[in-house]
Amino acid sequence: MLSGRVVQGFADSIDDEVKQQAYFKVIVENDRAFLLNSGKYRPIKSCMICNVEILTGHFNVLSYLLKPAIKVRLEALTERLALLSKAPAFRIRQ
């Protein structure tokens, strides 16, 4: 296995109609220019095709279950405050 980082990601997806999956094109920069296989160094050359697994962080079951409650708590009273800020102003005639 070789580690690296995503340098650039593209927003357009590529749909695979057979597997019913969407893929995204990314440019990955690796940490080394070689792979070690059976004690031999194998060079990595540009434009080689590979499979990449992108890890975006970890997500546990508890955070998945609590997400709706946290969202409600964070958005509480925001709509009401937005309506109050759009309320017409009253002037007192003298």
C-alpha atoms as a PDB file:
ATOM      1  CA  MET A   1       0.000   0.000   0.000  1.00  0.00           C
ATOM      2  CA  LEU A   2       1.145   3.502  -0.794  1.00  0.00           C
ATOM      3  CA  SER A   3      -0.087   6.602   1.001  1.00  0.00           C
ATOM      4  CA  GLY A   4      -0.588  10.002  -0.553  1.00  0.00           C
ATOM      5  CA  ARG A   5      -2.854  13.031  -0.596  1.00  0.00           C
ATOM      6  CA  VAL A   6      -5.504  14.451  -2.899  1.00  0.00           C
ATOM      7  CA  VAL A   7      -4.121  17.465  -4.749  1.00  0.00           C
ATOM      8  CA  GLN A   8      -7.178  18.262  -6.843  1.00  0.00           C
ATOM      9  CA  GLY A   9     -10.730  16.955  -7.042  1.00  0.00           C
ATOM     10  CA  PHE A  10     -13.274  17.566  -9.778  1.00  0.00           C
ATOM     11  CA  ALA A  11     -16.973  18.206  -9.143  1.00  0.00           C
ATOM     12  CA  ASP A  12     -18.273  16.342 -12.206  1.00  0.00           C
ATOM     13  CA  SER A  13     -19.120  12.709 -11.614  1.00  0.00           C
ATOM     14  CA  ILE A  14     -18.639   9.816 -14.016  1.00  0.00           C
ATOM     15  CA  ASP A  15     -21.607   7.432 -13.882  1.00  0.00           C
ATOM     16  CA  ASP A  16     -21.145   3.698 -14.327  1.00  0.00           C
ATOM     17  CA  GLU A  17     -24.509   2.427 -15.555  1.00  0.00           C
ATOM     18  CA  VAL A  18     -23.577  -1.242 -15.125  1.00  0.00           C
ATOM     19  CA  LYS A  19     -22.515  -0.999 -11.453  1.00  0.00           C
ATOM     20  CA  GLN A  20     -24.968   1.832 -10.656  1.00  0.00           C
ATOM     21  CA  GLN A  21     -22.176   3.919  -9.085  1.00  0.00           C
ATOM     22  CA  ALA A  22     -20.768   7.376  -9.553  1.00  0.00           C
ATOM     23  CA  TYR A  23     -17.040   8.070  -9.656  1.00  0.00           C
ATOM     24  CA  PHE A  24     -15.153  11.324  -9.277  1.00  0.00           C
ATOM     25  CA  LYS A  25     -11.885  12.205 -10.971  1.00  0.00           C
ATOM     26  CA  VAL A  26      -9.102  13.233  -8.575  1.00  0.00           C
ATOM     27  CA  ILE A  27      -5.403  13.915  -8.838  1.00  0.00           C
ATOM     28  CA  VAL A  28      -3.423  12.136  -6.119  1.00  0.00           C
ATOM     29  CA  GLU A  29       0.147  12.918  -5.134  1.00  0.00           C
ATOM     30  CA  ASN A  30       1.977   9.976  -3.588  1.00  0.00           C
ATOM     31  CA  ASP A  31       4.700  10.091  -0.931  1.00  0.00           C
ATOM     32  CA  ARG A  32       7.227   7.905  -2.752  1.00  0.00           C
ATOM     33  CA  ALA A  33       8.189   7.248  -6.361  1.00  0.00           C
ATOM     34  CA  PHE A  34       8.362   3.466  -5.918  1.00  0.00           C
ATOM     35  CA  LEU A  35       6.614   0.401  -4.510  1.00  0.00           C
ATOM     36  CA  LEU A  36       8.391  -2.363  -2.653  1.00  0.00           C
ATOM     37  CA  ASN A  37       7.161  -5.766  -3.869  1.00  0.00           C
ATOM     38  CA  SER A  38       8.891  -9.060  -2.930  1.00  0.00           C
ATOM     39  CA  GLY A  39      12.045  -7.174  -1.969  1.00  0.00           C
ATOM     40  CA  LYS A  40      12.212  -5.374  -5.322  1.00  0.00           C
ATOM     41  CA  TYR A  41      11.677  -1.699  -5.959  1.00  0.00           C
ATOM     42  CA  ARG A  42       9.031  -1.070  -8.610  1.00  0.00           C
ATOM     43  CA  PRO A  43       9.027   2.460 -10.047  1.00  0.00           C
ATOM     44  CA  ILE A  44       5.805   4.461 -10.212  1.00  0.00           C
ATOM     45  CA  LYS A  45       5.473   6.305 -13.501  1.00  0.00           C
ATOM     46  CA  SER A  46       3.142   9.099 -14.478  1.00  0.00           C
ATOM     47  CA  CYS A  47      -0.245   8.192 -15.986  1.00  0.00           C
ATOM     48  CA  MET A  48      -0.291   4.716 -14.408  1.00  0.00           C
ATOM     49  CA  ILE A  49      -3.813   3.520 -13.620  1.00  0.00           C
ATOM     50  CA  CYS A  50      -4.550   2.604 -10.015  1.00  0.00           C
ATOM     51  CA  ASN A  51      -7.341   2.080  -7.494  1.00  0.00           C
ATOM     52  CA  VAL A  52      -7.479   4.726  -4.783  1.00  0.00           C
ATOM     53  CA  GLU A  53      -9.348   4.671  -1.481  1.00  0.00           C
ATOM     54  CA  ILE A  54      -9.892   8.150  -0.102  1.00  0.00           C
ATOM     55  CA  LEU A  55     -10.337   8.350   3.660  1.00  0.00           C
ATOM     56  CA  THR A  56     -12.288  11.437   4.684  1.00  0.00           C
ATOM     57  CA  GLY A  57     -12.334  10.902   8.439  1.00  0.00           C
ATOM     58  CA  HIS A  58     -14.151   8.509  10.683  1.00  0.00           C
ATOM     59  CA  PHE A  59     -17.853   8.476  11.352  1.00  0.00           C
ATOM     60  CA  ASN A  60     -19.292   6.332  14.130  1.00  0.00           C
ATOM     61  CA  VAL A  61     -22.830   5.071  14.710  1.00  0.00           C
ATOM     62  CA  LEU A  62     -23.491   7.417  17.630  1.00  0.00           C
ATOM     63  CA  SER A  63     -22.733  10.540  15.588  1.00  0.00           C
ATOM     64  CA  TYR A  64     -24.939   9.159  12.790  1.00  0.00           C
ATOM     65  CA  LEU A  65     -27.858   8.738  15.218  1.00  0.00           C
ATOM     66  CA  LEU A  66     -27.351  12.111  16.915  1.00  0.00           C
ATOM     67  CA  LYS A  67     -26.940  14.125  13.694  1.00  0.00           C
ATOM     68  CA  PRO A  68     -30.666  15.088  13.361  1.00  0.00           C
ATOM     69  CA  ALA A  69     -30.865  16.221  17.006  1.00  0.00           C
ATOM     70  CA  ILE A  70     -27.678  18.266  16.698  1.00  0.00           C
ATOM     71  CA  LYS A  71     -28.940  19.869  13.483  1.00  0.00           C
ATOM     72  CA  VAL A  72     -32.224  20.880  15.164  1.00  0.00           C
ATOM     73  CA  ARG A  73     -30.333  22.342  18.126  1.00  0.00           C
ATOM     74  CA  LEU A  74     -28.014  24.359  15.891  1.00  0.00           C
ATOM     75  CA  GLU A  75     -30.852  25.684  13.722  1.00  0.00           C
ATOM     76  CA  ALA A  76     -33.247  26.412  16.594  1.00  0.00           C
ATOM     77  CA  LEU A  77     -34.742  29.932  16.484  1.00  0.00           C
ATOM     78  CA  THR A  78     -32.816  30.882  13.346  1.00  0.00           C
ATOM     79  CA  GLU A  79     -35.943  31.020  11.164  1.00  0.00           C
ATOM     80  CA  ARG A  80     -37.837  33.013  13.764  1.00  0.00           C
ATOM     81  CA  LEU A  81     -35.001  35.525  14.082  1.00  0.00           C
ATOM     82  CA  ALA A  82     -34.834  35.857  10.316  1.00  0.00           C
ATOM     83  CA  LEU A  83     -38.559  36.673  10.225  1.00  0.00           C
ATOM     84  CA  LEU A  84     -38.185  39.272  12.988  1.00  0.00           C
ATOM     85  CA  SER A  85     -35.375  41.010  11.150  1.00  0.00           C
ATOM     86  CA  LYS A  86     -37.640  41.354   8.066  1.00  0.00           C
ATOM     87  CA  ALA A  87     -40.554  42.781  10.063  1.00  0.00           C
ATOM     88  CA  PRO A  88     -41.621  46.272   9.028  1.00  0.00           C
ATOM     89  CA  ALA A  89     -40.380  49.090  11.173  1.00  0.00           C
ATOM     90  CA  PHE A  90     -42.953  51.285  12.930  1.00  0.00           C
ATOM     91  CA  ARG A  91     -42.586  55.027  13.236  1.00  0.00           C
ATOM     92  CA  ILE A  92     -44.290  57.109  15.846  1.00  0.00           C
ATOM     93  CA  ARG A  93     -45.867  60.280  14.464  1.00  0.00           C
ATOM     94  CA  GLN A  94     -45.466  63.370  16.521  1.00  0.00           C
END
